[in-house]
């Protein structure tokens, strides 16, 4: 299945097997799961937990900074 994924202002088309999770997407993009949020890319963004199957909607990855 193909998803449109926006990271910052870059839009990518990502193809993964049907039933893939947000964690599968993060690993495919070689990103660290502790430094981001996966959300639906709609007017009302909804978080997609890493263990949840990807919805059939455009997605946005928001990179976050944390530290102490």
N, C-alpha and C. Protein backbone atom coordinates (compact mmCIF):
# COMPACT_ATOMS: atom_id res chain seq x y z
N UNK A 1 0.84 -1.16 0.00
CA UNK A 1 0.00 0.00 0.00
C UNK A 1 0.89 1.23 0.00
N UNK A 2 0.40 2.34 -0.54
CA UNK A 2 1.20 3.55 -0.64
C UNK A 2 0.61 4.64 0.24
N UNK A 3 1.51 5.34 0.96
CA UNK A 3 1.11 6.47 1.79
C UNK A 3 1.90 7.70 1.37
N UNK A 4 1.24 8.86 1.46
CA UNK A 4 1.92 10.13 1.28
C UNK A 4 2.32 10.61 2.67
N UNK A 5 3.62 10.82 2.87
CA UNK A 5 4.15 11.17 4.18
C UNK A 5 4.90 12.50 4.07
N UNK A 6 4.53 13.44 4.94
CA UNK A 6 5.21 14.73 4.98
C UNK A 6 6.09 14.79 6.21
N UNK A 7 7.37 15.11 5.99
CA UNK A 7 8.33 15.31 7.09
C UNK A 7 8.89 16.71 6.89
N UNK A 8 8.69 17.57 7.87
CA UNK A 8 8.98 19.00 7.72
C UNK A 8 8.19 19.48 6.51
N UNK A 9 8.84 19.97 5.47
CA UNK A 9 8.12 20.40 4.27
C UNK A 9 8.35 19.46 3.09
N UNK A 10 8.96 18.32 3.35
CA UNK A 10 9.26 17.35 2.30
C UNK A 10 8.17 16.28 2.24
N UNK A 11 7.62 16.07 1.05
CA UNK A 11 6.57 15.07 0.86
C UNK A 11 7.19 13.86 0.18
N UNK A 12 6.94 12.68 0.76
CA UNK A 12 7.45 11.42 0.21
C UNK A 12 6.29 10.47 -0.02
N UNK A 13 6.41 9.65 -1.04
CA UNK A 13 5.49 8.54 -1.24
C UNK A 13 6.19 7.29 -0.73
N UNK A 14 5.57 6.62 0.23
CA UNK A 14 6.16 5.44 0.87
C UNK A 14 5.26 4.25 0.61
N UNK A 15 5.85 3.16 0.15
CA UNK A 15 5.09 1.94 -0.09
C UNK A 15 5.50 0.89 0.93
N UNK A 16 4.50 0.39 1.66
CA UNK A 16 4.69 -0.64 2.67
C UNK A 16 3.57 -1.66 2.53
N UNK A 17 3.75 -2.86 3.07
CA UNK A 17 2.69 -3.86 3.01
C UNK A 17 1.43 -3.40 3.73
N UNK A 18 0.28 -3.84 3.24
CA UNK A 18 -0.99 -3.53 3.91
C UNK A 18 -0.93 -4.09 5.34
N UNK A 19 -1.44 -3.32 6.29
CA UNK A 19 -1.40 -3.74 7.69
C UNK A 19 -0.17 -3.27 8.43
N UNK A 20 0.69 -2.48 7.76
CA UNK A 20 1.89 -1.96 8.42
C UNK A 20 1.51 -0.99 9.53
N UNK A 21 2.38 -0.91 10.53
CA UNK A 21 2.16 -0.02 11.66
C UNK A 21 2.97 1.26 11.50
N UNK A 22 2.70 2.21 12.39
CA UNK A 22 3.50 3.43 12.40
C UNK A 22 4.96 3.12 12.67
N UNK A 23 5.22 2.13 13.51
CA UNK A 23 6.60 1.73 13.79
C UNK A 23 7.29 1.20 12.54
N UNK A 24 6.55 0.45 11.70
CA UNK A 24 7.10 -0.03 10.43
C UNK A 24 7.49 1.15 9.54
N UNK A 25 6.64 2.16 9.51
CA UNK A 25 6.92 3.37 8.73
C UNK A 25 8.17 4.07 9.24
N UNK A 26 8.27 4.24 10.54
CA UNK A 26 9.42 4.92 11.15
C UNK A 26 10.71 4.16 10.84
N UNK A 27 10.68 2.85 10.96
CA UNK A 27 11.87 2.03 10.65
C UNK A 27 12.21 2.14 9.16
N UNK A 28 11.20 2.11 8.30
CA UNK A 28 11.42 2.21 6.85
C UNK A 28 12.12 3.53 6.51
N UNK A 29 11.77 4.59 7.19
CA UNK A 29 12.35 5.91 6.93
C UNK A 29 13.66 6.13 7.70
N UNK A 30 14.08 5.11 8.46
CA UNK A 30 15.33 5.15 9.23
C UNK A 30 15.33 6.33 10.21
N UNK A 31 14.22 6.50 10.91
CA UNK A 31 14.08 7.54 11.92
C UNK A 31 14.04 6.90 13.30
N UNK A 32 14.32 7.68 14.33
CA UNK A 32 14.30 7.17 15.70
C UNK A 32 12.93 7.45 16.31
N UNK A 33 12.21 6.45 16.78
CA UNK A 33 10.83 6.63 17.26
C UNK A 33 10.70 7.54 18.48
N UNK A 34 11.77 7.73 19.24
CA UNK A 34 11.69 8.59 20.43
C UNK A 34 11.71 10.07 20.08
N UNK A 35 12.00 10.42 18.83
CA UNK A 35 12.14 11.81 18.48
C UNK A 35 11.10 12.32 17.51
N UNK A 36 9.91 11.67 17.50
CA UNK A 36 8.91 12.09 16.51
C UNK A 36 7.50 11.71 16.94
N UNK A 37 6.55 12.29 16.24
CA UNK A 37 5.13 11.93 16.35
C UNK A 37 4.63 11.61 14.96
N UNK A 38 3.82 10.57 14.84
CA UNK A 38 3.15 10.26 13.58
C UNK A 38 1.69 10.68 13.75
N UNK A 39 1.21 11.52 12.84
CA UNK A 39 -0.16 12.01 12.91
C UNK A 39 -0.79 11.96 11.52
N UNK A 40 -2.13 11.97 11.48
CA UNK A 40 -2.80 12.08 10.19
C UNK A 40 -2.63 13.51 9.70
N UNK A 41 -2.43 13.67 8.40
CA UNK A 41 -2.19 15.00 7.83
C UNK A 41 -3.52 15.55 7.32
N UNK A 42 -4.34 15.95 8.28
CA UNK A 42 -5.66 16.50 8.00
C UNK A 42 -5.81 17.80 8.78
N UNK A 43 -6.94 18.47 8.60
CA UNK A 43 -7.18 19.71 9.34
C UNK A 43 -7.08 19.45 10.84
N UNK A 44 -7.70 18.36 11.30
CA UNK A 44 -7.56 17.94 12.69
C UNK A 44 -6.61 16.75 12.71
N UNK A 45 -5.37 17.02 13.09
CA UNK A 45 -4.35 15.97 13.12
C UNK A 45 -4.62 15.04 14.28
N UNK A 46 -4.62 13.73 14.00
CA UNK A 46 -4.84 12.73 15.04
C UNK A 46 -3.59 11.89 15.17
N UNK A 47 -3.09 11.70 16.39
CA UNK A 47 -1.90 10.87 16.58
C UNK A 47 -2.16 9.42 16.17
N UNK A 48 -1.14 8.80 15.61
CA UNK A 48 -1.20 7.38 15.25
C UNK A 48 -0.14 6.68 16.09
N UNK A 49 -0.56 5.95 17.14
CA UNK A 49 0.42 5.27 18.00
C UNK A 49 1.31 4.32 17.18
N UNK A 50 2.54 4.14 17.65
CA UNK A 50 3.51 3.32 16.92
C UNK A 50 3.04 1.88 16.72
N UNK A 51 2.20 1.37 17.61
CA UNK A 51 1.73 -0.01 17.50
C UNK A 51 0.46 -0.14 16.66
N UNK A 52 -0.09 0.98 16.21
CA UNK A 52 -1.34 0.95 15.44
C UNK A 52 -1.08 0.82 13.95
N UNK A 53 -2.02 0.17 13.27
CA UNK A 53 -1.94 0.08 11.81
C UNK A 53 -2.09 1.47 11.22
N UNK A 54 -1.40 1.70 10.12
CA UNK A 54 -1.48 2.99 9.45
C UNK A 54 -2.85 3.18 8.82
N UNK A 55 -3.47 4.35 9.04
CA UNK A 55 -4.76 4.61 8.40
C UNK A 55 -4.56 4.88 6.92
N UNK A 56 -5.62 4.73 6.16
CA UNK A 56 -5.56 4.98 4.72
C UNK A 56 -5.76 6.47 4.48
N UNK A 57 -4.83 7.28 4.98
CA UNK A 57 -4.89 8.74 4.89
C UNK A 57 -3.47 9.25 4.74
N UNK A 58 -3.31 10.48 4.24
CA UNK A 58 -1.96 11.08 4.25
C UNK A 58 -1.48 11.22 5.69
N UNK A 59 -0.17 11.12 5.86
CA UNK A 59 0.42 11.17 7.19
C UNK A 59 1.46 12.28 7.27
N UNK A 60 1.70 12.74 8.48
CA UNK A 60 2.73 13.73 8.74
C UNK A 60 3.57 13.22 9.90
N UNK A 61 4.88 13.37 9.76
CA UNK A 61 5.79 13.03 10.85
C UNK A 61 6.33 14.35 11.39
N UNK A 62 6.10 14.56 12.68
CA UNK A 62 6.55 15.78 13.34
C UNK A 62 7.77 15.42 14.17
N UNK A 63 8.90 16.02 13.82
CA UNK A 63 10.12 15.78 14.56
C UNK A 63 10.11 16.65 15.80
N UNK A 64 10.41 16.06 16.94
CA UNK A 64 10.39 16.78 18.21
C UNK A 64 11.77 16.73 18.85
N UNK A 65 12.06 17.74 19.62
CA UNK A 65 13.33 17.78 20.36
C UNK A 65 13.01 17.60 21.83
N UNK A 66 13.83 16.82 22.47
CA UNK A 66 13.66 16.64 23.91
C UNK A 66 15.03 16.54 24.54
N UNK A 67 15.07 16.69 25.80
CA UNK A 67 16.36 16.59 26.48
C UNK A 67 16.24 17.16 27.89
N UNK A 68 17.33 17.15 28.54
CA UNK A 68 17.29 17.62 29.90
C UNK A 68 18.49 18.44 30.24
